[in-house]
C-alpha atoms as a PDB file:
ATOM      1  CA  MET A   1      22.164 -43.209 -96.029  1.00  0.00           C
ATOM      2  CA  ASN A   2      23.424 -43.061 -92.494  1.00  0.00           C
ATOM      3  CA  ALA A   3      26.170 -45.704 -93.294  1.00  0.00           C
ATOM      4  CA  VAL A   4      27.530 -43.618 -96.083  1.00  0.00           C
ATOM      5  CA  VAL A   5      27.386 -40.432 -94.094  1.00  0.00           C
ATOM      6  CA  ASP A   6      29.161 -42.155 -91.211  1.00  0.00           C
ATOM      7  CA  MET A   7      31.964 -43.409 -93.692  1.00  0.00           C
ATOM      8  CA  ILE A   8      32.260 -39.825 -95.046  1.00  0.00           C
ATOM      9  CA  HIS A   9      32.723 -38.444 -91.471  1.00  0.00           C
ATOM     10  CA  GLN A  10      35.375 -40.997 -90.747  1.00  0.00           C
ATOM     11  CA  LEU A  11      37.243 -40.126 -93.836  1.00  0.00           C
ATOM     12  CA  GLU A  12      36.945 -36.394 -93.292  1.00  0.00           C
ATOM     13  CA  TRP A  13      38.101 -36.683 -89.649  1.00  0.00           C
ATOM     14  CA  ALA A  14      41.149 -38.717 -90.756  1.00  0.00           C
ATOM     15  CA  ARG A  15      42.062 -36.276 -93.543  1.00  0.00           C
ATOM     16  CA  LYS A  16      41.700 -33.229 -91.352  1.00  0.00           C
ATOM     17  CA  GLN A  17      44.145 -34.911 -88.792  1.00  0.00           C
ATOM     18  CA  LEU A  18      46.525 -35.454 -91.762  1.00  0.00           C
ATOM     19  CA  TYR A  19      46.375 -31.818 -92.700  1.00  0.00           C
ATOM     20  CA  ASP A  20      46.957 -30.630 -89.133  1.00  0.00           C
ATOM     21  CA  LEU A  21      49.948 -32.945 -88.884  1.00  0.00           C
ATOM     22  CA  LYS A  22      51.270 -31.695 -92.203  1.00  0.00           C
ATOM     23  CA  GLU A  23      51.265 -28.161 -90.829  1.00  0.00           C
ATOM     24  CA  LEU A  24      52.913 -29.275 -87.652  1.00  0.00           C
ATOM     25  CA  GLU A  25      55.593 -31.472 -89.142  1.00  0.00           C
ATOM     26  CA  THR A  26      56.851 -29.800 -92.315  1.00  0.00           C
ATOM     27  CA  GLU A  27      60.698 -30.532 -92.041  1.00  0.00           C
ATOM     28  CA  ASP A  28      60.593 -34.323 -92.303  1.00  0.00           C
ATOM     29  CA  GLU A  29      60.066 -35.189 -96.025  1.00  0.00           C
ATOM     30  CA  SER A  30      59.252 -38.841 -95.175  1.00  0.00           C
ATOM     31  CA  VAL A  31      56.408 -37.826 -93.091  1.00  0.00           C
ATOM     32  CA  THR A  32      55.140 -35.334 -95.599  1.00  0.00           C
ATOM     33  CA  LYS A  33      55.347 -37.895 -98.403  1.00  0.00           C
ATOM     34  CA  ALA A  34      53.517 -40.482 -96.245  1.00  0.00           C
ATOM     35  CA  ILE A  35      50.782 -37.928 -95.411  1.00  0.00           C
ATOM     36  CA  ASP A  36      50.242 -37.294 -99.016  1.00  0.00           C
ATOM     37  CA  GLU A  37      50.095 -41.033 -99.948  1.00  0.00           C
ATOM     38  CA  LEU A  38      47.665 -41.830 -97.161  1.00  0.00           C
ATOM     39  CA  ASP A  39      45.508 -38.796 -98.141  1.00  0.00           C
ATOM     40  CA  LYS A  40      45.334 -40.060-101.772  1.00  0.00           C
ATOM     41  CA  LYS A  41      44.254 -43.536-100.524  1.00  0.00           C
ATOM     42  CA  LEU A  42      41.464 -41.920 -98.312  1.00  0.00           C
ATOM     43  CA  ILE A  43      40.281 -39.696-101.106  1.00  0.00           C
ATOM     44  CA  ALA A  44      39.984 -42.755-103.474  1.00  0.00           C
ATOM     45  CA  VAL A  45      37.442 -44.148-101.064  1.00  0.00           C
ATOM     46  CA  GLU A  46      35.672 -40.876-100.301  1.00  0.00           C
ATOM     47  CA  GLU A  47      35.333 -39.999-104.059  1.00  0.00           C
ATOM     48  CA  SER A  48      33.130 -43.058-104.445  1.00  0.00           C
ATOM     49  CA  LEU A  49      30.722 -41.777-101.731  1.00  0.00           C
ATOM     50  CA  HIS A  50      30.196 -38.177-102.713  1.00  0.00           C
ATOM     51  CA  GLU A  51      31.388 -35.713-105.361  1.00  0.00           C
ATOM     52  CA  MET A  52      34.216 -33.746-103.804  1.00  0.00           C
ATOM     53  CA  LYS A  53      34.644 -31.281-106.603  1.00  0.00           C
ATOM     54  CA  GLN A  54      31.325 -29.475-106.029  1.00  0.00           C
ATOM     55  CA  THR A  55      31.389 -25.768-105.871  1.00  0.00           C
ATOM     56  CA  GLY A  56      28.011 -25.104-104.550  1.00  0.00           C
ATOM     57  CA  ARG A  57      26.847 -23.394-107.746  1.00  0.00           C
ATOM     58  CA  GLY A  58      23.961 -24.276-109.872  1.00  0.00           C
ATOM     59  CA  GLN A  59      25.776 -26.407-112.577  1.00  0.00           C
ATOM     60  CA  ASP A  60      27.556 -28.943-110.493  1.00  0.00           C
ATOM     61  CA  ALA A  61      25.163 -31.698-111.183  1.00  0.00           C
ATOM     62  CA  LEU A  62      25.834 -31.255-114.916  1.00  0.00           C
ATOM     63  CA  ARG A  63      29.535 -31.077-114.495  1.00  0.00           C
ATOM     64  CA  TRP A  64      30.199 -34.000-112.242  1.00  0.00           C
ATOM     65  CA  PRO A  65      28.870 -37.547-112.172  1.00  0.00           C
ATOM     66  CA  SER A  66      26.416 -38.400-109.374  1.00  0.00           C
ATOM     67  CA  ARG A  67      27.969 -40.351-106.566  1.00  0.00           C
ATOM     68  CA  LEU A  68      26.509 -42.846-104.118  1.00  0.00           C
ATOM     69  CA  VAL A  69      25.070 -40.401-101.578  1.00  0.00           C
ATOM     70  CA  PHE A  70      23.169 -38.450-104.236  1.00  0.00           C
ATOM     71  CA  LYS A  71      21.903 -41.669-105.817  1.00  0.00           C
ATOM     72  CA  LEU A  72      20.707 -42.840-102.402  1.00  0.00           C
ATOM     73  CA  SER A  73      19.046 -39.506-101.816  1.00  0.00           C
ATOM     74  CA  HIS A  74      17.318 -39.613-105.139  1.00  0.00           C
ATOM     75  CA  LEU A  75      16.069 -43.359-104.518  1.00  0.00           C
ATOM     76  CA  ALA A  76      14.867 -42.437-100.949  1.00  0.00           C
ATOM     77  CA  ASN A  77      12.937 -39.320-102.315  1.00  0.00           C
ATOM     78  CA  GLY A  78      11.283 -41.364-104.994  1.00  0.00           C
ATOM     79  CA  ILE A  79      10.214 -43.984-102.495  1.00  0.00           C
ATOM     80  CA  GLY A  80       9.255 -41.552 -99.751  1.00  0.00           C
ATOM     81  CA  THR A  81       6.995 -39.454-102.023  1.00  0.00           C
ATOM     82  CA  ALA A  82       5.001 -42.400-103.542  1.00  0.00           C
ATOM     83  CA  ASP A  83       1.617 -43.593-102.225  1.00  0.00           C
ATOM     84  CA  PHE A  84       2.513 -47.238-102.997  1.00  0.00           C
ATOM     85  CA  ALA A  85       5.070 -49.795-101.810  1.00  0.00           C
ATOM     86  CA  PRO A  86       8.443 -49.562-103.507  1.00  0.00           C
ATOM     87  CA  THR A  87       8.497 -51.000-107.004  1.00  0.00           C
ATOM     88  CA  THR A  88      10.434 -54.092-108.043  1.00  0.00           C
ATOM     89  CA  GLN A  89      12.942 -51.879-109.659  1.00  0.00           C
ATOM     90  CA  GLN A  90      13.421 -49.631-106.638  1.00  0.00           C
ATOM     91  CA  ILE A  91      13.949 -52.680-104.491  1.00  0.00           C
ATOM     92  CA  ALA A  92      16.524 -54.033-106.937  1.00  0.00           C
ATOM     93  CA  VAL A  93      18.413 -50.670-107.018  1.00  0.00           C
ATOM     94  CA  HIS A  94      18.286 -50.506-103.216  1.00  0.00           C
ATOM     95  CA  GLU A  95      19.909 -54.011-103.085  1.00  0.00           C
ATOM     96  CA  MET A  96      22.596 -52.851-105.494  1.00  0.00           C
ATOM     97  CA  PHE A  97      23.278 -49.841-103.321  1.00  0.00           C
ATOM     98  CA  ARG A  98      23.456 -52.092-100.311  1.00  0.00           C
ATOM     99  CA  ARG A  99      26.117 -54.183-102.039  1.00  0.00           C
ATOM    100  CA  GLN A 100      28.115 -51.023-103.004  1.00  0.00           C
ATOM    101  CA  ILE A 101      27.920 -49.761 -99.560  1.00  0.00           C
ATOM    102  CA  ALA A 102      29.155 -53.071 -98.081  1.00  0.00           C
ATOM    103  CA  GLU A 103      32.152 -53.047-100.575  1.00  0.00           C
ATOM    104  CA  LEU A 104      33.038 -49.332 -99.834  1.00  0.00           C
ATOM    105  CA  LYS A 105      32.794 -50.164 -96.031  1.00  0.00           C
ATOM    106  CA  ARG A 106      35.202 -53.100 -96.620  1.00  0.00           C
ATOM    107  CA  ARG A 107      37.707 -50.839 -98.554  1.00  0.00           C
ATOM    108  CA  LEU A 108      37.369 -48.209 -95.833  1.00  0.00           C
ATOM    109  CA  ASP A 109      37.986 -50.684 -93.072  1.00  0.00           C
ATOM    110  CA  GLN A 110      40.994 -52.301 -94.966  1.00  0.00           C
ATOM    111  CA  THR A 111      42.434 -48.873 -95.540  1.00  0.00           C
ATOM    112  CA  PHE A 112      42.251 -48.052 -91.854  1.00  0.00           C
ATOM    113  CA  ALA A 113      43.503 -51.597 -90.818  1.00  0.00           C
ATOM    114  CA  THR A 114      46.498 -51.432 -93.160  1.00  0.00           C
ATOM    115  CA  ASP A 115      47.566 -48.057 -94.423  1.00  0.00           C
ATOM    116  CA  PHE A 116      46.326 -46.077 -91.408  1.00  0.00           C
ATOM    117  CA  ALA A 117      47.904 -48.463 -89.039  1.00  0.00           C
ATOM    118  CA  THR A 118      51.228 -48.425 -90.961  1.00  0.00           C
ATOM    119  CA  PHE A 119      51.151 -44.693 -90.893  1.00  0.00           C
ATOM    120  CA  ASN A 120      50.577 -44.581 -87.140  1.00  0.00           C
ATOM    121  CA  ALA A 121      53.426 -47.020 -86.605  1.00  0.00           C
ATOM    122  CA  MET A 122      55.644 -44.522 -88.567  1.00  0.00           C
ATOM    123  CA  LEU A 123      54.590 -41.638 -86.407  1.00  0.00           C
ATOM    124  CA  ARG A 124      55.156 -43.643 -83.128  1.00  0.00           C
ATOM    125  CA  GLU A 125      58.811 -44.280 -84.310  1.00  0.00           C
ATOM    126  CA  LYS A 126      59.319 -40.542 -84.859  1.00  0.00           C
ATOM    127  CA  SER A 127      57.608 -39.732 -81.577  1.00  0.00           C
ATOM    128  CA  LEU A 128      54.794 -37.768 -83.417  1.00  0.00           C
ATOM    129  CA  PRO A 129      51.129 -37.783 -82.278  1.00  0.00           C
ATOM    130  CA  ILE A 130      49.193 -40.603 -83.907  1.00  0.00           C
ATOM    131  CA  LEU A 131      45.940 -40.383 -85.871  1.00  0.00           C
ATOM    132  CA  VAL A 132      42.680 -41.483 -84.319  1.00  0.00           C
ATOM    133  CA  ARG A 133      40.040 -43.218 -86.260  1.00  0.00           C
ATOM    134  CA  LYS A 134      36.498 -41.663 -85.513  1.00  0.00           C
ATOM    135  CA  THR A 135      34.071 -44.273 -84.478  1.00  0.00           C
ATOM    136  CA  ASN A 136      30.272 -43.854 -84.224  1.00  0.00           C
END
């Protein structure tokens, strides 16, 4: 759960910086376009981690599919409230989630290593402030 939350924080931090930069730099269309493109790539990873369309109202769980953070929470709740050791099925689901988390972490790291770095290089060329990756 902590690994997923850390990834969400990194993504939210990066996207906040993008939005702040977009407000600061509105005249250069190439920068605005690059901001939008990078934001879409970051959202593509973030949407796999948690449901971004939630409104906070009672029917969200019925309207939108459960994402990884909700599924992890559900599994942890089931294991944490039992009087017995985790079942074979719970262990198998946990291992499946571990593989999904590793793949999403790989995608996140790749996005920061390539797209994020390329974006920062463009910002340097234009003498604009670069984005900083949040580390834990």
